Amino acid sequence: MKIESMHAGEFLLSEGAGNISREAINVAAGAALEPGQILGLVTATSEFAPYQPTAEDGSENAIAILYGPLGESDVVRRGRAIVRLAEVSEAHLTGLDLAAEKALGVNHIIVR
């Protein structure tokens, strides 16, 4: 049996007209990431990184969701993220907790 990986944007239920919900972002070097990964913004570098609720570098604040997959890298990667005005599927998100859900809601990213 083959299990297919998640497709870019598969977690989206709806988004704002055109590309208003998405932005190009810089993602910190690290492990491969799948679409639907909750992201925080590392204050010192202005790079997005996986949301870590126990961190103290800015990534403890959920502010975006990775739109498409990113491979493992030892350098900063370019990606796309949902940063505002969207409805998303809870079942397709990685790293979601109650604090992240509330924080995303501030940017009008609604978890359904």
PDB file of N, CA and C in Angstrom:
ATOM      1  N   MET A   1       0.837  -1.170   0.000  1.00  0.00           N
ATOM      2  CA  MET A   1       0.000   0.000   0.000  1.00  0.00           C
ATOM      3  C   MET A   1       0.888   1.241   0.000  1.00  0.00           C
ATOM      4  N   LYS A   2       0.590   2.153  -0.865  1.00  0.00           N
ATOM      5  CA  LYS A   2       1.355   3.394  -0.961  1.00  0.00           C
ATOM      6  C   LYS A   2       0.572   4.520  -0.290  1.00  0.00           C
ATOM      7  N   ILE A   3       1.252   5.274   0.564  1.00  0.00           N
ATOM      8  CA  ILE A   3       0.630   6.429   1.207  1.00  0.00           C
ATOM      9  C   ILE A   3       1.181   7.685   0.551  1.00  0.00           C
ATOM     10  N   GLU A   4       0.288   8.458  -0.009  1.00  0.00           N
ATOM     11  CA  GLU A   4       0.685   9.672  -0.709  1.00  0.00           C
ATOM     12  C   GLU A   4       0.921  10.800   0.290  1.00  0.00           C
ATOM     13  N   SER A   5       1.986  11.564   0.065  1.00  0.00           N
ATOM     14  CA  SER A   5       2.256  12.700   0.949  1.00  0.00           C
ATOM     15  C   SER A   5       1.252  13.818   0.673  1.00  0.00           C
ATOM     16  N   MET A   6       1.167  14.739   1.587  1.00  0.00           N
ATOM     17  CA  MET A   6       0.200  15.827   1.447  1.00  0.00           C
ATOM     18  C   MET A   6       0.620  16.767   0.324  1.00  0.00           C
ATOM     19  N   HIS A   7      -0.354  17.203  -0.438  1.00  0.00           N
ATOM     20  CA  HIS A   7      -0.119  18.119  -1.552  1.00  0.00           C
ATOM     21  C   HIS A   7      -0.077  19.566  -1.064  1.00  0.00           C
ATOM     22  N   ALA A   8       0.564  20.419  -1.829  1.00  0.00           N
ATOM     23  CA  ALA A   8       0.609  21.849  -1.507  1.00  0.00           C
ATOM     24  C   ALA A   8      -0.808  22.384  -1.362  1.00  0.00           C
ATOM     25  N   GLY A   9      -1.052  23.080  -0.260  1.00  0.00           N
ATOM     26  CA  GLY A   9      -2.338  23.712  -0.030  1.00  0.00           C
ATOM     27  C   GLY A   9      -3.480  22.774   0.292  1.00  0.00           C
ATOM     28  N   GLU A  10      -3.222  21.488   0.466  1.00  0.00           N
ATOM     29  CA  GLU A  10      -4.286  20.520   0.726  1.00  0.00           C
ATOM     30  C   GLU A  10      -5.059  20.836   2.010  1.00  0.00           C
ATOM     31  N   PHE A  11      -4.445  21.506   2.938  1.00  0.00           N
ATOM     32  CA  PHE A  11      -5.072  21.856   4.207  1.00  0.00           C
ATOM     33  C   PHE A  11      -6.069  23.019   4.081  1.00  0.00           C
ATOM     34  N   LEU A  12      -6.054  23.725   2.956  1.00  0.00           N
ATOM     35  CA  LEU A  12      -6.918  24.904   2.772  1.00  0.00           C
ATOM     36  C   LEU A  12      -8.363  24.515   2.508  1.00  0.00           C
ATOM     37  N   LEU A  13      -9.278  25.136   3.222  1.00  0.00           N
ATOM     38  CA  LEU A  13     -10.697  24.999   2.928  1.00  0.00           C
ATOM     39  C   LEU A  13     -11.166  26.177   2.084  1.00  0.00           C
ATOM     40  N   SER A  14     -10.669  27.367   2.397  1.00  0.00           N
ATOM     41  CA  SER A  14     -10.937  28.565   1.594  1.00  0.00           C
ATOM     42  C   SER A  14      -9.867  29.595   1.917  1.00  0.00           C
ATOM     43  N   GLU A  15      -9.682  30.535   0.985  1.00  0.00           N
ATOM     44  CA  GLU A  15      -8.724  31.620   1.202  1.00  0.00           C
ATOM     45  C   GLU A  15      -9.245  32.869   0.526  1.00  0.00           C
ATOM     46  N   GLY A  16      -8.626  34.003   0.834  1.00  0.00           N
ATOM     47  CA  GLY A  16      -9.027  35.274   0.250  1.00  0.00           C
ATOM     48  C   GLY A  16      -8.837  35.286  -1.258  1.00  0.00           C
ATOM     49  N   ALA A  17      -9.525  36.204  -1.911  1.00  0.00           N
ATOM     50  CA  ALA A  17      -9.472  36.325  -3.373  1.00  0.00           C
ATOM     51  C   ALA A  17      -8.042  36.544  -3.854  1.00  0.00           C
ATOM     52  N   GLY A  18      -7.753  35.977  -5.021  1.00  0.00           N
ATOM     53  CA  GLY A  18      -6.408  36.115  -5.585  1.00  0.00           C
ATOM     54  C   GLY A  18      -5.389  35.445  -4.686  1.00  0.00           C
ATOM     55  N   ASN A  19      -4.292  36.117  -4.440  1.00  0.00           N
ATOM     56  CA  ASN A  19      -3.232  35.579  -3.578  1.00  0.00           C
ATOM     57  C   ASN A  19      -3.090  36.360  -2.279  1.00  0.00           C
ATOM     58  N   ILE A  20      -4.164  37.005  -1.834  1.00  0.00           N
ATOM     59  CA  ILE A  20      -4.081  37.842  -0.634  1.00  0.00           C
ATOM     60  C   ILE A  20      -3.722  37.051   0.623  1.00  0.00           C
ATOM     61  N   SER A  21      -4.018  35.769   0.652  1.00  0.00           N
ATOM     62  CA  SER A  21      -3.742  34.953   1.841  1.00  0.00           C
ATOM     63  C   SER A  21      -2.299  34.476   1.926  1.00  0.00           C
ATOM     64  N   ARG A  22      -1.577  34.491   0.810  1.00  0.00           N
ATOM     65  CA  ARG A  22      -0.237  33.885   0.732  1.00  0.00           C
ATOM     66  C   ARG A  22       0.870  34.937   0.629  1.00  0.00           C
ATOM     67  N   GLU A  23       2.040  34.556   1.147  1.00  0.00           N
ATOM     68  CA  GLU A  23       3.235  35.389   0.989  1.00  0.00           C
ATOM     69  C   GLU A  23       4.450  34.503   0.799  1.00  0.00           C
ATOM     70  N   ALA A  24       5.437  35.023   0.077  1.00  0.00           N
ATOM     71  CA  ALA A  24       6.737  34.364  -0.036  1.00  0.00           C
ATOM     72  C   ALA A  24       7.476  34.603   1.280  1.00  0.00           C
ATOM     73  N   ILE A  25       8.110  33.562   1.791  1.00  0.00           N
ATOM     74  CA  ILE A  25       8.797  33.658   3.084  1.00  0.00           C
ATOM     75  C   ILE A  25      10.169  33.002   3.005  1.00  0.00           C
ATOM     76  N   ASN A  26      11.013  33.328   3.980  1.00  0.00           N
ATOM     77  CA  ASN A  26      12.291  32.646   4.177  1.00  0.00           C
ATOM     78  C   ASN A  26      12.127  31.698   5.357  1.00  0.00           C
ATOM     79  N   VAL A  27      12.468  30.442   5.147  1.00  0.00           N
ATOM     80  CA  VAL A  27      12.331  29.422   6.184  1.00  0.00           C
ATOM     81  C   VAL A  27      13.723  29.003   6.636  1.00  0.00           C
ATOM     82  N   ALA A  28      13.927  28.958   7.932  1.00  0.00           N
ATOM     83  CA  ALA A  28      15.222  28.604   8.508  1.00  0.00           C
ATOM     84  C   ALA A  28      15.685  27.232   8.029  1.00  0.00           C
ATOM     85  N   ALA A  29      16.992  27.057   7.941  1.00  0.00           N
ATOM     86  CA  ALA A  29      17.582  25.765   7.589  1.00  0.00           C
ATOM     87  C   ALA A  29      17.103  24.707   8.575  1.00  0.00           C
ATOM     88  N   GLY A  30      16.992  23.475   8.086  1.00  0.00           N
ATOM     89  CA  GLY A  30      16.584  22.396   8.975  1.00  0.00           C
ATOM     90  C   GLY A  30      15.967  21.230   8.240  1.00  0.00           C
ATOM     91  N   ALA A  31      15.197  20.467   8.961  1.00  0.00           N
ATOM     92  CA  ALA A  31      14.566  19.250   8.441  1.00  0.00           C
ATOM     93  C   ALA A  31      13.534  19.576   7.367  1.00  0.00           C
ATOM     94  N   ALA A  32      13.191  18.553   6.582  1.00  0.00           N
ATOM     95  CA  ALA A  32      12.141  18.691   5.575  1.00  0.00           C
ATOM     96  C   ALA A  32      10.824  19.027   6.268  1.00  0.00           C
ATOM     97  N   LEU A  33      10.010  19.842   5.618  1.00  0.00           N
ATOM     98  CA  LEU A  33       8.720  20.254   6.172  1.00  0.00           C
ATOM     99  C   LEU A  33       7.613  19.966   5.171  1.00  0.00           C
ATOM    100  N   GLU A  34       6.468  19.555   5.676  1.00  0.00           N
ATOM    101  CA  GLU A  34       5.311  19.238   4.844  1.00  0.00           C
ATOM    102  C   GLU A  34       4.319  20.397   4.846  1.00  0.00           C
ATOM    103  N   PRO A  35       3.501  20.491   3.807  1.00  0.00           N
ATOM    104  CA  PRO A  35       2.425  21.499   3.813  1.00  0.00           C
ATOM    105  C   PRO A  35       1.563  21.316   5.056  1.00  0.00           C
ATOM    106  N   GLY A  36       1.116  22.419   5.616  1.00  0.00           N
ATOM    107  CA  GLY A  36       0.300  22.361   6.819  1.00  0.00           C
ATOM    108  C   GLY A  36       1.089  22.530   8.105  1.00  0.00           C
ATOM    109  N   GLN A  37       2.402  22.660   8.007  1.00  0.00           N
ATOM    110  CA  GLN A  37       3.239  22.879   9.193  1.00  0.00           C
ATOM    111  C   GLN A  37       2.963  24.268   9.742  1.00  0.00           C
ATOM    112  N   ILE A  38       2.610  24.365  11.013  1.00  0.00           N
ATOM    113  CA  ILE A  38       2.434  25.653  11.668  1.00  0.00           C
ATOM    114  C   ILE A  38       3.814  26.283  11.825  1.00  0.00           C
ATOM    115  N   LEU A  39       3.906  27.585  11.549  1.00  0.00           N
ATOM    116  CA  LEU A  39       5.181  28.290  11.602  1.00  0.00           C
ATOM    117  C   LEU A  39       5.156  29.465  12.569  1.00  0.00           C
ATOM    118  N   GLY A  40       6.305  29.737  13.161  1.00  0.00           N
ATOM    119  CA  GLY A  40       6.535  30.940  13.944  1.00  0.00           C
ATOM    120  C   GLY A  40       7.659  31.728  13.283  1.00  0.00           C
ATOM    121  N   LEU A  41       7.871  32.946  13.726  1.00  0.00           N
ATOM    122  CA  LEU A  41       8.905  33.801  13.141  1.00  0.00           C
ATOM    123  C   LEU A  41      10.011  34.020  14.165  1.00  0.00           C
ATOM    124  N   VAL A  42      11.219  33.565  13.839  1.00  0.00           N
ATOM    125  CA  VAL A  42      12.371  33.729  14.729  1.00  0.00           C
ATOM    126  C   VAL A  42      12.760  35.204  14.715  1.00  0.00           C
ATOM    127  N   THR A  43      12.679  35.844  15.851  1.00  0.00           N
ATOM    128  CA  THR A  43      12.879  37.281  15.963  1.00  0.00           C
ATOM    129  C   THR A  43      14.267  37.727  15.503  1.00  0.00           C
ATOM    130  N   ALA A  44      15.307  37.028  15.911  1.00  0.00           N
ATOM    131  CA  ALA A  44      16.680  37.449  15.620  1.00  0.00           C
ATOM    132  C   ALA A  44      17.031  37.394  14.138  1.00  0.00           C
ATOM    133  N   THR A  45      16.417  36.468  13.385  1.00  0.00           N
ATOM    134  CA  THR A  45      16.793  36.266  11.984  1.00  0.00           C
ATOM    135  C   THR A  45      15.709  36.655  10.984  1.00  0.00           C
ATOM    136  N   SER A  46      14.489  36.886  11.461  1.00  0.00           N
ATOM    137  CA  SER A  46      13.325  37.143  10.596  1.00  0.00           C
ATOM    138  C   SER A  46      13.067  35.989   9.634  1.00  0.00           C
ATOM    139  N   GLU A  47      13.407  34.784  10.071  1.00  0.00           N
ATOM    140  CA  GLU A  47      13.142  33.574   9.301  1.00  0.00           C
ATOM    141  C   GLU A  47      12.029  32.786   9.987  1.00  0.00           C
ATOM    142  N   PHE A  48      11.193  32.158   9.178  1.00  0.00           N
ATOM    143  CA  PHE A  48      10.149  31.311   9.722  1.00  0.00           C
ATOM    144  C   PHE A  48      10.741  29.963  10.110  1.00  0.00           C
ATOM    145  N   ALA A  49      10.174  29.356  11.135  1.00  0.00           N
ATOM    146  CA  ALA A  49      10.613  28.049  11.619  1.00  0.00           C
ATOM    147  C   ALA A  49       9.391  27.315  12.150  1.00  0.00           C
ATOM    148  N   PRO A  50       9.469  25.990  12.264  1.00  0.00           N
ATOM    149  CA  PRO A  50       8.334  25.264  12.831  1.00  0.00           C
ATOM    150  C   PRO A  50       7.952  25.828  14.199  1.00  0.00           C
ATOM    151  N   TYR A  51       6.663  25.953  14.422  1.00  0.00           N
ATOM    152  CA  TYR A  51       6.120  26.434  15.695  1.00  0.00           C
ATOM    153  C   TYR A  51       6.588  25.539  16.832  1.00  0.00           C
ATOM    154  N   GLN A  52       7.165  26.145  17.872  1.00  0.00           N
ATOM    155  CA  GLN A  52       7.638  25.440  19.064  1.00  0.00           C
ATOM    156  C   GLN A  52       7.096  26.168  20.292  1.00  0.00           C
ATOM    157  N   PRO A  53       6.024  25.685  20.903  1.00  0.00           N
ATOM    158  CA  PRO A  53       5.393  26.413  22.005  1.00  0.00           C
ATOM    159  C   PRO A  53       6.297  26.678  23.209  1.00  0.00           C
ATOM    160  N   THR A  54       7.380  25.917  23.362  1.00  0.00           N
ATOM    161  CA  THR A  54       8.280  26.106  24.505  1.00  0.00           C
ATOM    162  C   THR A  54       9.505  26.943  24.163  1.00  0.00           C
ATOM    163  N   ALA A  55       9.622  27.374  22.929  1.00  0.00           N
ATOM    164  CA  ALA A  55      10.784  28.175  22.507  1.00  0.00           C
ATOM    165  C   ALA A  55      10.714  29.580  23.097  1.00  0.00           C
ATOM    166  N   GLU A  56      11.808  30.292  22.997  1.00  0.00           N
ATOM    167  CA  GLU A  56      11.861  31.677  23.467  1.00  0.00           C
ATOM    168  C   GLU A  56      12.563  32.555  22.439  1.00  0.00           C
ATOM    169  N   ASP A  57      12.413  32.195  21.158  1.00  0.00           N
ATOM    170  CA  ASP A  57      13.078  32.935  20.089  1.00  0.00           C
ATOM    171  C   ASP A  57      12.107  33.569  19.097  1.00  0.00           C
ATOM    172  N   GLY A  58      10.824  33.503  19.381  1.00  0.00           N
ATOM    173  CA  GLY A  58       9.800  34.016  18.482  1.00  0.00           C
ATOM    174  C   GLY A  58       8.996  32.902  17.845  1.00  0.00           C
ATOM    175  N   SER A  59       9.593  31.713  17.692  1.00  0.00           N
ATOM    176  CA  SER A  59       8.875  30.599  17.065  1.00  0.00           C
ATOM    177  C   SER A  59       7.799  30.019  17.976  1.00  0.00           C
ATOM    178  N   GLU A  60       7.691  30.537  19.196  1.00  0.00           N
ATOM    179  CA  GLU A  60       6.624  30.100  20.098  1.00  0.00           C
ATOM    180  C   GLU A  60       5.286  30.776  19.778  1.00  0.00           C
ATOM    181  N   ASN A  61       5.292  31.699  18.833  1.00  0.00           N
ATOM    182  CA  ASN A  61       4.081  32.399  18.404  1.00  0.00           C
ATOM    183  C   ASN A  61       3.698  31.930  17.005  1.00  0.00           C
ATOM    184  N   ALA A  62       2.614  31.179  16.896  1.00  0.00           N
ATOM    185  CA  ALA A  62       2.147  30.676  15.602  1.00  0.00           C
ATOM    186  C   ALA A  62       1.589  31.835  14.783  1.00  0.00           C
ATOM    187  N   ILE A  63       2.147  32.046  13.582  1.00  0.00           N
ATOM    188  CA  ILE A  63       1.672  33.165  12.766  1.00  0.00           C
ATOM    189  C   ILE A  63       1.406  32.808  11.314  1.00  0.00           C
ATOM    190  N   ALA A  64       1.745  31.585  10.893  1.00  0.00           N
ATOM    191  CA  ALA A  64       1.575  31.228   9.482  1.00  0.00           C
ATOM    192  C   ALA A  64       1.499  29.708   9.354  1.00  0.00           C
ATOM    193  N   ILE A  65       1.143  29.255   8.133  1.00  0.00           N
ATOM    194  CA  ILE A  65       1.093  27.828   7.819  1.00  0.00           C
ATOM    195  C   ILE A  65       1.815  27.613   6.490  1.00  0.00           C
ATOM    196  N   LEU A  66       2.751  26.688   6.475  1.00  0.00           N
ATOM    197  CA  LEU A  66       3.512  26.394   5.265  1.00  0.00           C
ATOM    198  C   LEU A  66       2.585  25.875   4.175  1.00  0.00           C
ATOM    199  N   TYR A  67       2.667  26.463   2.985  1.00  0.00           N
ATOM    200  CA  TYR A  67       1.777  26.120   1.880  1.00  0.00           C
ATOM    201  C   TYR A  67       2.227  24.864   1.120  1.00  0.00           C
ATOM    202  N   GLY A  68       3.499  24.771   0.818  1.00  0.00           N
ATOM    203  CA  GLY A  68       4.014  23.647   0.034  1.00  0.00           C
ATOM    204  C   GLY A  68       5.183  22.982   0.733  1.00  0.00           C
ATOM    205  N   PRO A  69       5.583  21.792   0.267  1.00  0.00           N
ATOM    206  CA  PRO A  69       6.671  21.064   0.923  1.00  0.00           C
ATOM    207  C   PRO A  69       8.029  21.743   0.723  1.00  0.00           C
ATOM    208  N   LEU A  70       8.899  21.558   1.701  1.00  0.00           N
ATOM    209  CA  LEU A  70      10.285  22.036   1.612  1.00  0.00           C
ATOM    210  C   LEU A  70      11.209  20.883   1.979  1.00  0.00           C
ATOM    211  N   GLY A  71      12.248  20.688   1.194  1.00  0.00           N
ATOM    212  CA  GLY A  71      13.219  19.645   1.489  1.00  0.00           C
ATOM    213  C   GLY A  71      14.163  20.052   2.603  1.00  0.00           C
ATOM    214  N   GLU A  72      14.841  19.067   3.154  1.00  0.00           N
ATOM    215  CA  GLU A  72      15.848  19.325   4.184  1.00  0.00           C
ATOM    216  C   GLU A  72      16.938  20.200   3.592  1.00  0.00           C
ATOM    217  N   SER A  73      17.464  21.121   4.398  1.00  0.00           N
ATOM    218  CA  SER A  73      18.490  22.030   3.896  1.00  0.00           C
ATOM    219  C   SER A  73      19.336  22.566   5.034  1.00  0.00           C
ATOM    220  N   ASP A  74      20.600  22.877   4.716  1.00  0.00           N
ATOM    221  CA  ASP A  74      21.469  23.501   5.717  1.00  0.00           C
ATOM    222  C   ASP A  74      21.608  25.001   5.466  1.00  0.00           C
ATOM    223  N   VAL A  75      20.793  25.529   4.559  1.00  0.00           N
ATOM    224  CA  VAL A  75      20.736  26.969   4.293  1.00  0.00           C
ATOM    225  C   VAL A  75      19.269  27.418   4.312  1.00  0.00           C
ATOM    226  N   VAL A  76      19.071  28.705   4.429  1.00  0.00           N
ATOM    227  CA  VAL A  76      17.717  29.263   4.426  1.00  0.00           C
ATOM    228  C   VAL A  76      17.021  28.884   3.123  1.00  0.00           C
ATOM    229  N   ARG A  77      15.744  28.526   3.226  1.00  0.00           N
ATOM    230  CA  ARG A  77      14.962  28.110   2.061  1.00  0.00           C
ATOM    231  C   ARG A  77      13.868  29.115   1.776  1.00  0.00           C
ATOM    232  N   ARG A  78      13.490  29.233   0.519  1.00  0.00           N
ATOM    233  CA  ARG A  78      12.398  30.101   0.111  1.00  0.00           C
ATOM    234  C   ARG A  78      11.138  29.253   0.030  1.00  0.00           C
ATOM    235  N   GLY A  79      10.032  29.757   0.567  1.00  0.00           N
ATOM    236  CA  GLY A  79       8.779  29.022   0.535  1.00  0.00           C
ATOM    237  C   GLY A  79       7.595  29.962   0.454  1.00  0.00           C
ATOM    238  N   ARG A  80       6.414  29.410   0.543  1.00  0.00           N
ATOM    239  CA  ARG A  80       5.162  30.179   0.571  1.00  0.00           C
ATOM    240  C   ARG A  80       4.399  29.767   1.811  1.00  0.00           C
ATOM    241  N   ALA A  81       3.654  30.732   2.367  1.00  0.00           N
ATOM    242  CA  ALA A  81       2.867  30.441   3.561  1.00  0.00           C
ATOM    243  C   ALA A  81       1.531  31.155   3.494  1.00  0.00           C
ATOM    244  N   ILE A  82       0.561  30.574   4.167  1.00  0.00           N
ATOM    245  CA  ILE A  82      -0.721  31.233   4.401  1.00  0.00           C
ATOM    246  C   ILE A  82      -0.515  32.095   5.635  1.00  0.00           C
ATOM    247  N   VAL A  83      -0.717  33.403   5.496  1.00  0.00           N
ATOM    248  CA  VAL A  83      -0.462  34.323   6.601  1.00  0.00           C
ATOM    249  C   VAL A  83      -1.702  35.100   7.045  1.00  0.00           C
ATOM    250  N   ARG A  84      -2.806  35.009   6.280  1.00  0.00           N
ATOM    251  CA  ARG A  84      -4.020  35.753   6.655  1.00  0.00           C
ATOM    252  C   ARG A  84      -5.212  35.258   5.851  1.00  0.00           C
ATOM    253  N   LEU A  85      -6.398  35.577   6.332  1.00  0.00           N
ATOM    254  CA  LEU A  85      -7.651  35.407   5.597  1.00  0.00           C
ATOM    255  C   LEU A  85      -7.835  34.032   4.963  1.00  0.00           C
ATOM    256  N   ALA A  86      -7.918  32.996   5.804  1.00  0.00           N
ATOM    257  CA  ALA A  86      -8.116  31.641   5.280  1.00  0.00           C
ATOM    258  C   ALA A  86      -8.836  30.778   6.308  1.00  0.00           C
ATOM    259  N   GLU A  87      -9.484  29.733   5.802  1.00  0.00           N
ATOM    260  CA  GLU A  87     -10.032  28.674   6.635  1.00  0.00           C
ATOM    261  C   GLU A  87      -9.219  27.422   6.329  1.00  0.00           C
ATOM    262  N   VAL A  88      -8.811  26.709   7.370  1.00  0.00           N
ATOM    263  CA  VAL A  88      -7.943  25.548   7.200  1.00  0.00           C
ATOM    264  C   VAL A  88      -8.493  24.340   7.946  1.00  0.00           C
ATOM    265  N   SER A  89      -8.125  23.158   7.466  1.00  0.00           N
ATOM    266  CA  SER A  89      -8.576  21.904   8.056  1.00  0.00           C
ATOM    267  C   SER A  89      -7.664  21.490   9.208  1.00  0.00           C
ATOM    268  N   GLU A  90      -8.240  21.372  10.379  1.00  0.00           N
ATOM    269  CA  GLU A  90      -7.481  20.977  11.570  1.00  0.00           C
ATOM    270  C   GLU A  90      -6.758  19.644  11.359  1.00  0.00           C
ATOM    271  N   ALA A  91      -7.396  18.713  10.697  1.00  0.00           N
ATOM    272  CA  ALA A  91      -6.840  17.375  10.504  1.00  0.00           C
ATOM    273  C   ALA A  91      -5.578  17.372   9.647  1.00  0.00           C
ATOM    274  N   HIS A  92      -5.348  18.433   8.888  1.00  0.00           N
ATOM    275  CA  HIS A  92      -4.201  18.485   7.986  1.00  0.00           C
ATOM    276  C   HIS A  92      -3.067  19.383   8.478  1.00  0.00           C
ATOM    277  N   LEU A  93      -3.133  19.830   9.717  1.00  0.00           N
ATOM    278  CA  LEU A  93      -2.109  20.729  10.251  1.00  0.00           C
ATOM    279  C   LEU A  93      -1.133  19.978  11.144  1.00  0.00           C
ATOM    280  N   THR A  94       0.117  20.389  11.102  1.00  0.00           N
ATOM    281  CA  THR A  94       1.158  19.802  11.944  1.00  0.00           C
ATOM    282  C   THR A  94       1.589  20.829  12.985  1.00  0.00           C
ATOM    283  N   GLY A  95       1.571  20.415  14.249  1.00  0.00           N
ATOM    284  CA  GLY A  95       2.018  21.292  15.332  1.00  0.00           C
ATOM    285  C   GLY A  95       0.911  22.101  15.968  1.00  0.00           C
ATOM    286  N   LEU A  96      -0.327  21.828  15.604  1.00  0.00           N
ATOM    287  CA  LEU A  96      -1.444  22.624  16.127  1.00  0.00           C
ATOM    288  C   LEU A  96      -1.732  22.286  17.579  1.00  0.00           C
ATOM    289  N   ASP A  97      -1.868  23.306  18.402  1.00  0.00           N
ATOM    290  CA  ASP A  97      -2.378  23.184  19.756  1.00  0.00           C
ATOM    291  C   ASP A  97      -3.323  24.358  19.978  1.00  0.00           C
ATOM    292  N   LEU A  98      -3.935  24.434  21.144  1.00  0.00           N
ATOM    293  CA  LEU A  98      -4.918  25.481  21.406  1.00  0.00           C
ATOM    294  C   LEU A  98      -4.314  26.878  21.297  1.00  0.00           C
ATOM    295  N   ALA A  99      -3.103  27.059  21.812  1.00  0.00           N
ATOM    296  CA  ALA A  99      -2.445  28.372  21.734  1.00  0.00           C
ATOM    297  C   ALA A  99      -2.191  28.769  20.280  1.00  0.00           C
ATOM    298  N   ALA A 100      -1.755  27.814  19.457  1.00  0.00           N
ATOM    299  CA  ALA A 100      -1.508  28.098  18.037  1.00  0.00           C
ATOM    300  C   ALA A 100      -2.812  28.449  17.332  1.00  0.00           C
ATOM    301  N   GLU A 101      -3.868  27.722  17.640  1.00  0.00           N
ATOM    302  CA  GLU A 101      -5.165  28.001  17.018  1.00  0.00           C
ATOM    303  C   GLU A 101      -5.626  29.423  17.332  1.00  0.00           C
ATOM    304  N   LYS A 102      -5.487  29.835  18.572  1.00  0.00           N
ATOM    305  CA  LYS A 102      -5.866  31.201  18.962  1.00  0.00           C
ATOM    306  C   LYS A 102      -4.980  32.234  18.286  1.00  0.00           C
ATOM    307  N   ALA A 103      -3.684  31.973  18.232  1.00  0.00           N
ATOM    308  CA  ALA A 103      -2.749  32.917  17.616  1.00  0.00           C
ATOM    309  C   ALA A 103      -3.022  33.066  16.121  1.00  0.00           C
ATOM    310  N   LEU A 104      -3.299  31.976  15.433  1.00  0.00           N
ATOM    311  CA  LEU A 104      -3.617  32.045  14.006  1.00  0.00           C
ATOM    312  C   LEU A 104      -4.894  32.843  13.772  1.00  0.00           C
ATOM    313  N   GLY A 105      -5.846  32.716  14.685  1.00  0.00           N
ATOM    314  CA  GLY A 105      -7.104  33.450  14.580  1.00  0.00           C
ATOM    315  C   GLY A 105      -6.916  34.958  14.572  1.00  0.00           C
ATOM    316  N   VAL A 106      -5.878  35.452  15.219  1.00  0.00           N
ATOM    317  CA  VAL A 106      -5.581  36.889  15.224  1.00  0.00           C
ATOM    318  C   VAL A 106      -5.345  37.384  13.801  1.00  0.00           C
ATOM    319  N   ASN A 107      -4.742  36.537  12.951  1.00  0.00           N
ATOM    320  CA  ASN A 107      -4.480  36.877  11.551  1.00  0.00           C
ATOM    321  C   ASN A 107      -5.599  36.393  10.631  1.00  0.00           C
ATOM    322  N   HIS A 108      -6.730  36.052  11.214  1.00  0.00           N
ATOM    323  CA  HIS A 108      -7.906  35.596  10.482  1.00  0.00           C
ATOM    324  C   HIS A 108      -7.642  34.313   9.709  1.00  0.00           C
ATOM    325  N   ILE A 109      -6.841  33.437  10.322  1.00  0.00           N
ATOM    326  CA  ILE A 109      -6.676  32.075   9.829  1.00  0.00           C
ATOM    327  C   ILE A 109      -7.507  31.222  10.776  1.00  0.00           C
ATOM    328  N   ILE A 110      -8.622  30.726  10.275  1.00  0.00           N
ATOM    329  CA  ILE A 110      -9.606  30.029  11.094  1.00  0.00           C
ATOM    330  C   ILE A 110      -9.455  28.529  10.909  1.00  0.00           C
ATOM    331  N   VAL A 111      -9.290  27.820  12.029  1.00  0.00           N
ATOM    332  CA  VAL A 111      -9.163  26.363  12.014  1.00  0.00           C
ATOM    333  C   VAL A 111     -10.553  25.761  12.129  1.00  0.00           C
ATOM    334  N   ARG A 112     -10.885  24.879  11.208  1.00  0.00           N
ATOM    335  CA  ARG A 112     -12.202  24.218  11.193  1.00  0.00           C
ATOM    336  C   ARG A 112     -12.032  22.744  11.461  1.00  0.00           C
TER     337      ARG A 112
END
